[in-house]
Amino acid sequence: GLKIWVGKGAAENEKLTFSYAHGSDWWFHVEHLPGSHVVIHLPKNQEPDPESIKDAAQLALYYSKAKERGEAEVCMTQCKFVSKFGKGKVGKVQLSKYKTLFIKQDPERFQRLKKA
């Protein structure tokens, strides 16, 4: 029942991460490759449940350049640890604290998310 937002393109990623998301929301992105910013929007002081984490990581994988590989490391952090990287670099970010999750494509999970 949690809201998961997905940015499409650099400008939308930046707007999602720095305008819509709150510091306590959780942010996901495939490590070291271009892709969508994915945010789990949560009430303050609430942690995402394991299924929501899997859902967000799956979306980050699917909407990234790692999709063809079918697997990737996905960075996971709270939005308060995400900052803009340099002037004029729309959508580029740096992370001050994060965890990585190894994820493989799960077509069934993705289709369920796409329909939701």
N, C-alpha and C. Protein backbone atom coordinates (compact mmCIF):
# COMPACT_ATOMS: atom_id res chain seq x y z
N GLY A 1 0.79 -1.21 0.00
CA GLY A 1 0.00 0.00 0.00
C GLY A 1 0.83 1.27 0.00
N LEU A 2 2.16 1.16 -0.05
CA LEU A 2 2.99 2.36 -0.07
C LEU A 2 3.07 2.93 -1.48
N LYS A 3 3.28 4.24 -1.57
CA LYS A 3 3.46 4.88 -2.87
C LYS A 3 4.91 4.74 -3.30
N ILE A 4 5.10 4.30 -4.55
CA ILE A 4 6.44 4.24 -5.13
C ILE A 4 6.42 5.11 -6.38
N TRP A 5 7.28 6.12 -6.42
CA TRP A 5 7.36 7.04 -7.54
C TRP A 5 8.58 6.71 -8.38
N VAL A 6 8.45 6.85 -9.71
CA VAL A 6 9.54 6.56 -10.63
C VAL A 6 9.73 7.76 -11.56
N GLY A 7 10.94 8.30 -11.60
CA GLY A 7 11.26 9.40 -12.51
C GLY A 7 11.62 8.85 -13.88
N LYS A 8 11.30 9.61 -14.91
CA LYS A 8 11.64 9.21 -16.28
C LYS A 8 12.42 10.35 -16.90
N GLY A 9 13.69 10.18 -17.09
CA GLY A 9 14.54 11.23 -17.66
C GLY A 9 15.17 12.08 -16.57
N ALA A 10 16.24 12.77 -16.93
CA ALA A 10 17.03 13.53 -15.96
C ALA A 10 16.23 14.63 -15.26
N ALA A 11 15.46 15.41 -16.02
CA ALA A 11 14.71 16.51 -15.42
C ALA A 11 13.65 16.00 -14.45
N GLU A 12 12.96 14.93 -14.84
CA GLU A 12 11.92 14.37 -13.96
C GLU A 12 12.56 13.71 -12.74
N ASN A 13 13.70 13.05 -12.91
CA ASN A 13 14.41 12.48 -11.77
C ASN A 13 14.74 13.56 -10.74
N GLU A 14 15.27 14.69 -11.25
CA GLU A 14 15.66 15.77 -10.34
C GLU A 14 14.44 16.34 -9.61
N LYS A 15 13.36 16.55 -10.33
CA LYS A 15 12.14 17.08 -9.73
C LYS A 15 11.61 16.13 -8.66
N LEU A 16 11.59 14.84 -8.97
CA LEU A 16 11.11 13.83 -8.03
C LEU A 16 11.96 13.83 -6.76
N THR A 17 13.27 13.75 -6.92
CA THR A 17 14.17 13.62 -5.78
C THR A 17 14.25 14.88 -4.93
N PHE A 18 14.26 16.05 -5.57
CA PHE A 18 14.51 17.28 -4.82
C PHE A 18 13.29 18.17 -4.61
N SER A 19 12.16 17.87 -5.25
CA SER A 19 10.96 18.69 -5.05
C SER A 19 9.82 17.91 -4.39
N TYR A 20 9.60 16.68 -4.83
CA TYR A 20 8.46 15.90 -4.31
C TYR A 20 8.82 15.05 -3.09
N ALA A 21 9.97 14.43 -3.12
CA ALA A 21 10.35 13.53 -2.02
C ALA A 21 10.74 14.32 -0.77
N HIS A 22 10.51 13.70 0.37
CA HIS A 22 10.92 14.26 1.66
C HIS A 22 12.21 13.57 2.10
N GLY A 23 12.92 14.17 3.04
CA GLY A 23 14.19 13.61 3.51
C GLY A 23 14.08 12.21 4.08
N SER A 24 12.92 11.88 4.65
CA SER A 24 12.76 10.56 5.26
C SER A 24 12.27 9.50 4.27
N ASP A 25 11.93 9.91 3.03
CA ASP A 25 11.55 8.94 2.00
C ASP A 25 12.80 8.14 1.59
N TRP A 26 12.57 6.98 1.00
CA TRP A 26 13.68 6.11 0.59
C TRP A 26 13.88 6.19 -0.92
N TRP A 27 15.14 6.28 -1.34
CA TRP A 27 15.55 6.53 -2.72
C TRP A 27 16.35 5.32 -3.24
N PHE A 28 16.09 4.94 -4.50
CA PHE A 28 16.75 3.78 -5.12
C PHE A 28 17.24 4.17 -6.51
N HIS A 29 18.39 3.59 -6.89
CA HIS A 29 18.95 3.83 -8.23
C HIS A 29 19.99 2.75 -8.49
N VAL A 30 20.04 2.28 -9.73
CA VAL A 30 21.08 1.31 -10.11
C VAL A 30 22.44 1.97 -9.97
N GLU A 31 23.39 1.25 -9.40
CA GLU A 31 24.72 1.80 -9.15
C GLU A 31 25.52 1.93 -10.44
N HIS A 32 26.11 3.11 -10.64
CA HIS A 32 27.08 3.40 -11.72
C HIS A 32 26.52 3.37 -13.14
N LEU A 33 25.22 3.39 -13.32
CA LEU A 33 24.63 3.40 -14.66
C LEU A 33 23.46 4.39 -14.69
N PRO A 34 23.18 4.96 -15.88
CA PRO A 34 22.01 5.84 -15.99
C PRO A 34 20.72 5.07 -15.74
N GLY A 35 19.76 5.77 -15.14
CA GLY A 35 18.47 5.15 -14.90
C GLY A 35 17.55 6.05 -14.11
N SER A 36 16.37 5.54 -13.85
CA SER A 36 15.36 6.29 -13.11
C SER A 36 15.68 6.37 -11.63
N HIS A 37 15.30 7.51 -11.03
CA HIS A 37 15.29 7.63 -9.58
C HIS A 37 13.96 7.02 -9.14
N VAL A 38 13.99 6.18 -8.13
CA VAL A 38 12.79 5.53 -7.61
C VAL A 38 12.69 5.90 -6.13
N VAL A 39 11.52 6.36 -5.71
CA VAL A 39 11.33 6.82 -4.33
C VAL A 39 10.13 6.11 -3.71
N ILE A 40 10.35 5.56 -2.51
CA ILE A 40 9.24 5.06 -1.70
C ILE A 40 8.85 6.20 -0.77
N HIS A 41 7.62 6.69 -0.94
CA HIS A 41 7.11 7.80 -0.14
C HIS A 41 6.48 7.23 1.13
N LEU A 42 7.01 7.66 2.28
CA LEU A 42 6.59 7.11 3.57
C LEU A 42 6.25 8.20 4.58
N PRO A 43 5.42 7.88 5.55
CA PRO A 43 5.26 8.80 6.68
C PRO A 43 6.60 8.91 7.42
N LYS A 44 6.82 10.05 8.05
CA LYS A 44 8.07 10.28 8.78
C LYS A 44 8.32 9.18 9.82
N ASN A 45 9.57 8.78 9.97
CA ASN A 45 10.02 7.77 10.93
C ASN A 45 9.49 6.37 10.65
N GLN A 46 9.07 6.10 9.44
CA GLN A 46 8.63 4.75 9.07
C GLN A 46 9.66 4.14 8.12
N GLU A 47 9.98 2.89 8.34
CA GLU A 47 10.89 2.15 7.47
C GLU A 47 10.09 1.42 6.40
N PRO A 48 10.63 1.27 5.19
CA PRO A 48 9.91 0.49 4.18
C PRO A 48 9.96 -1.00 4.53
N ASP A 49 8.89 -1.72 4.23
CA ASP A 49 8.85 -3.15 4.48
C ASP A 49 9.67 -3.87 3.40
N PRO A 50 10.09 -5.12 3.65
CA PRO A 50 10.95 -5.85 2.69
C PRO A 50 10.34 -5.98 1.29
N GLU A 51 9.04 -6.15 1.19
CA GLU A 51 8.42 -6.29 -0.14
C GLU A 51 8.46 -4.98 -0.91
N SER A 52 8.26 -3.86 -0.23
CA SER A 52 8.34 -2.55 -0.89
C SER A 52 9.77 -2.28 -1.36
N ILE A 53 10.75 -2.70 -0.57
CA ILE A 53 12.15 -2.55 -0.98
C ILE A 53 12.42 -3.36 -2.24
N LYS A 54 11.94 -4.59 -2.28
CA LYS A 54 12.11 -5.43 -3.49
C LYS A 54 11.42 -4.80 -4.69
N ASP A 55 10.22 -4.25 -4.47
CA ASP A 55 9.48 -3.60 -5.55
C ASP A 55 10.27 -2.41 -6.10
N ALA A 56 10.73 -1.54 -5.21
CA ALA A 56 11.47 -0.34 -5.64
C ALA A 56 12.77 -0.72 -6.36
N ALA A 57 13.48 -1.71 -5.84
CA ALA A 57 14.73 -2.14 -6.48
C ALA A 57 14.45 -2.73 -7.86
N GLN A 58 13.37 -3.47 -7.99
CA GLN A 58 12.99 -4.05 -9.28
C GLN A 58 12.69 -2.93 -10.30
N LEU A 59 11.98 -1.90 -9.87
CA LEU A 59 11.68 -0.77 -10.74
C LEU A 59 12.96 -0.03 -11.14
N ALA A 60 13.88 0.15 -10.19
CA ALA A 60 15.15 0.81 -10.50
C ALA A 60 15.93 0.01 -11.54
N LEU A 61 15.93 -1.30 -11.42
CA LEU A 61 16.61 -2.15 -12.39
C LEU A 61 15.95 -2.06 -13.75
N TYR A 62 14.64 -2.22 -13.79
CA TYR A 62 13.92 -2.25 -15.07
C TYR A 62 14.07 -0.93 -15.84
N TYR A 63 14.03 0.20 -15.12
CA TYR A 63 14.13 1.51 -15.78
C TYR A 63 15.56 2.05 -15.74
N SER A 64 16.52 1.19 -16.08
CA SER A 64 17.92 1.60 -16.12
C SER A 64 18.64 0.92 -17.29
N LYS A 65 19.87 1.33 -17.51
CA LYS A 65 20.70 0.72 -18.55
C LYS A 65 21.11 -0.70 -18.19
N ALA A 66 20.88 -1.12 -16.95
CA ALA A 66 21.21 -2.49 -16.52
C ALA A 66 20.12 -3.49 -16.91
N LYS A 67 19.02 -3.02 -17.44
CA LYS A 67 17.90 -3.89 -17.78
C LYS A 67 18.33 -5.05 -18.68
N GLU A 68 19.16 -4.75 -19.69
CA GLU A 68 19.60 -5.80 -20.63
C GLU A 68 20.41 -6.90 -19.93
N ARG A 69 21.16 -6.52 -18.90
CA ARG A 69 21.94 -7.50 -18.14
C ARG A 69 21.05 -8.42 -17.33
N GLY A 70 19.93 -7.86 -16.86
CA GLY A 70 19.00 -8.64 -16.05
C GLY A 70 19.34 -8.68 -14.58
N GLU A 71 20.40 -7.97 -14.18
CA GLU A 71 20.79 -7.92 -12.78
C GLU A 71 21.68 -6.71 -12.55
N ALA A 72 21.72 -6.25 -11.30
CA ALA A 72 22.56 -5.09 -10.98
C ALA A 72 22.60 -4.87 -9.48
N GLU A 73 23.55 -4.03 -9.08
CA GLU A 73 23.59 -3.51 -7.72
C GLU A 73 22.71 -2.27 -7.70
N VAL A 74 21.82 -2.17 -6.73
CA VAL A 74 20.93 -1.02 -6.60
C VAL A 74 21.26 -0.31 -5.29
N CYS A 75 21.49 1.01 -5.38
CA CYS A 75 21.74 1.82 -4.19
C CYS A 75 20.42 2.14 -3.51
N MET A 76 20.43 2.10 -2.19
CA MET A 76 19.25 2.39 -1.39
C MET A 76 19.66 3.32 -0.25
N THR A 77 18.94 4.45 -0.12
CA THR A 77 19.24 5.39 0.95
C THR A 77 18.03 6.26 1.21
N GLN A 78 18.05 7.00 2.28
CA GLN A 78 17.01 7.99 2.50
C GLN A 78 17.33 9.22 1.66
N CYS A 79 16.31 9.92 1.25
CA CYS A 79 16.49 11.09 0.37
C CYS A 79 17.38 12.16 1.01
N LYS A 80 17.40 12.23 2.33
CA LYS A 80 18.24 13.24 2.99
C LYS A 80 19.73 13.02 2.75
N PHE A 81 20.12 11.83 2.26
CA PHE A 81 21.51 11.54 1.96
C PHE A 81 21.85 11.68 0.48
N VAL A 82 20.90 12.22 -0.31
CA VAL A 82 21.09 12.43 -1.75
C VAL A 82 21.24 13.92 -1.99
N SER A 83 22.29 14.31 -2.72
CA SER A 83 22.47 15.73 -3.05
C SER A 83 22.83 15.87 -4.53
N LYS A 84 22.62 17.07 -5.04
CA LYS A 84 22.93 17.35 -6.44
C LYS A 84 24.44 17.27 -6.65
N PHE A 85 24.83 16.83 -7.84
CA PHE A 85 26.25 16.68 -8.17
C PHE A 85 26.61 17.71 -9.23
N GLY A 86 27.20 18.81 -8.82
CA GLY A 86 27.67 19.82 -9.75
C GLY A 86 26.56 20.67 -10.35
N LYS A 87 26.96 21.85 -10.80
CA LYS A 87 26.01 22.78 -11.43
C LYS A 87 25.78 22.37 -12.88
N GLY A 88 24.54 22.50 -13.33
CA GLY A 88 24.22 22.22 -14.73
C GLY A 88 24.15 20.75 -15.09
N LYS A 89 24.33 19.87 -14.11
CA LYS A 89 24.26 18.43 -14.37
C LYS A 89 22.93 17.92 -13.86
N VAL A 90 21.89 18.16 -14.64
CA VAL A 90 20.52 17.82 -14.24
C VAL A 90 20.39 16.32 -14.03
N GLY A 91 19.84 15.95 -12.88
CA GLY A 91 19.59 14.54 -12.57
C GLY A 91 20.78 13.80 -11.99
N LYS A 92 21.96 14.39 -12.02
CA LYS A 92 23.15 13.73 -11.46
C LYS A 92 23.19 13.99 -9.96
N VAL A 93 23.47 12.95 -9.19
CA VAL A 93 23.47 13.07 -7.73
C VAL A 93 24.70 12.40 -7.13
N GLN A 94 24.93 12.72 -5.87
CA GLN A 94 25.93 12.01 -5.08
C GLN A 94 25.27 11.58 -3.77
N LEU A 95 25.75 10.49 -3.23
CA LEU A 95 25.17 9.91 -2.01
C LEU A 95 26.19 9.99 -0.89
N SER A 96 25.76 10.43 0.29
CA SER A 96 26.69 10.50 1.42
C SER A 96 26.62 9.25 2.29
N LYS A 97 25.56 8.47 2.15
CA LYS A 97 25.40 7.25 2.94
C LYS A 97 24.40 6.37 2.20
N TYR A 98 24.73 5.10 1.99
CA TYR A 98 23.81 4.21 1.28
C TYR A 98 24.19 2.75 1.48
N LYS A 99 23.26 1.86 1.14
CA LYS A 99 23.48 0.42 1.10
C LYS A 99 23.29 0.00 -0.35
N THR A 100 23.88 -1.13 -0.72
CA THR A 100 23.59 -1.68 -2.05
C THR A 100 22.92 -3.03 -1.90
N LEU A 101 22.00 -3.29 -2.83
CA LEU A 101 21.29 -4.56 -2.88
C LEU A 101 21.56 -5.17 -4.24
N PHE A 102 21.86 -6.45 -4.29
CA PHE A 102 22.00 -7.13 -5.58
C PHE A 102 20.62 -7.62 -5.97
N ILE A 103 20.19 -7.29 -7.18
CA ILE A 103 18.84 -7.64 -7.63
C ILE A 103 18.89 -8.27 -9.01
N LYS A 104 18.08 -9.29 -9.20
CA LYS A 104 17.90 -9.92 -10.52
C LYS A 104 16.49 -9.60 -10.99
N GLN A 105 16.34 -9.49 -12.31
CA GLN A 105 15.01 -9.21 -12.86
C GLN A 105 14.02 -10.28 -12.43
N ASP A 106 12.84 -9.81 -12.07
CA ASP A 106 11.73 -10.67 -11.71
C ASP A 106 10.55 -10.21 -12.56
N PRO A 107 10.38 -10.78 -13.76
CA PRO A 107 9.33 -10.32 -14.68
C PRO A 107 7.93 -10.35 -14.08
N GLU A 108 7.63 -11.34 -13.27
CA GLU A 108 6.29 -11.42 -12.66
C GLU A 108 6.05 -10.25 -11.71
N ARG A 109 7.04 -9.96 -10.88
CA ARG A 109 6.92 -8.83 -9.94
C ARG A 109 6.77 -7.53 -10.73
N PHE A 110 7.58 -7.37 -11.77
CA PHE A 110 7.51 -6.14 -12.56
C PHE A 110 6.13 -5.97 -13.21
N GLN A 111 5.59 -7.02 -13.78
CA GLN A 111 4.27 -6.93 -14.42
C GLN A 111 3.19 -6.57 -13.40
N ARG A 112 3.30 -7.12 -12.20
CA ARG A 112 2.34 -6.79 -11.13
C ARG A 112 2.45 -5.31 -10.77
N LEU A 113 3.68 -4.80 -10.68
CA LEU A 113 3.89 -3.39 -10.35
C LEU A 113 3.39 -2.47 -11.45
N LYS A 114 3.62 -2.90 -12.68
CA LYS A 114 3.21 -2.09 -13.82
C LYS A 114 1.69 -1.92 -13.87
N LYS A 115 0.97 -2.95 -13.46
CA LYS A 115 -0.50 -2.91 -13.46
C LYS A 115 -1.06 -2.11 -12.30
N ALA A 116 -0.27 -2.00 -11.22
CA ALA A 116 -0.77 -1.34 -9.98
C ALA A 116 -0.91 0.15 -10.10
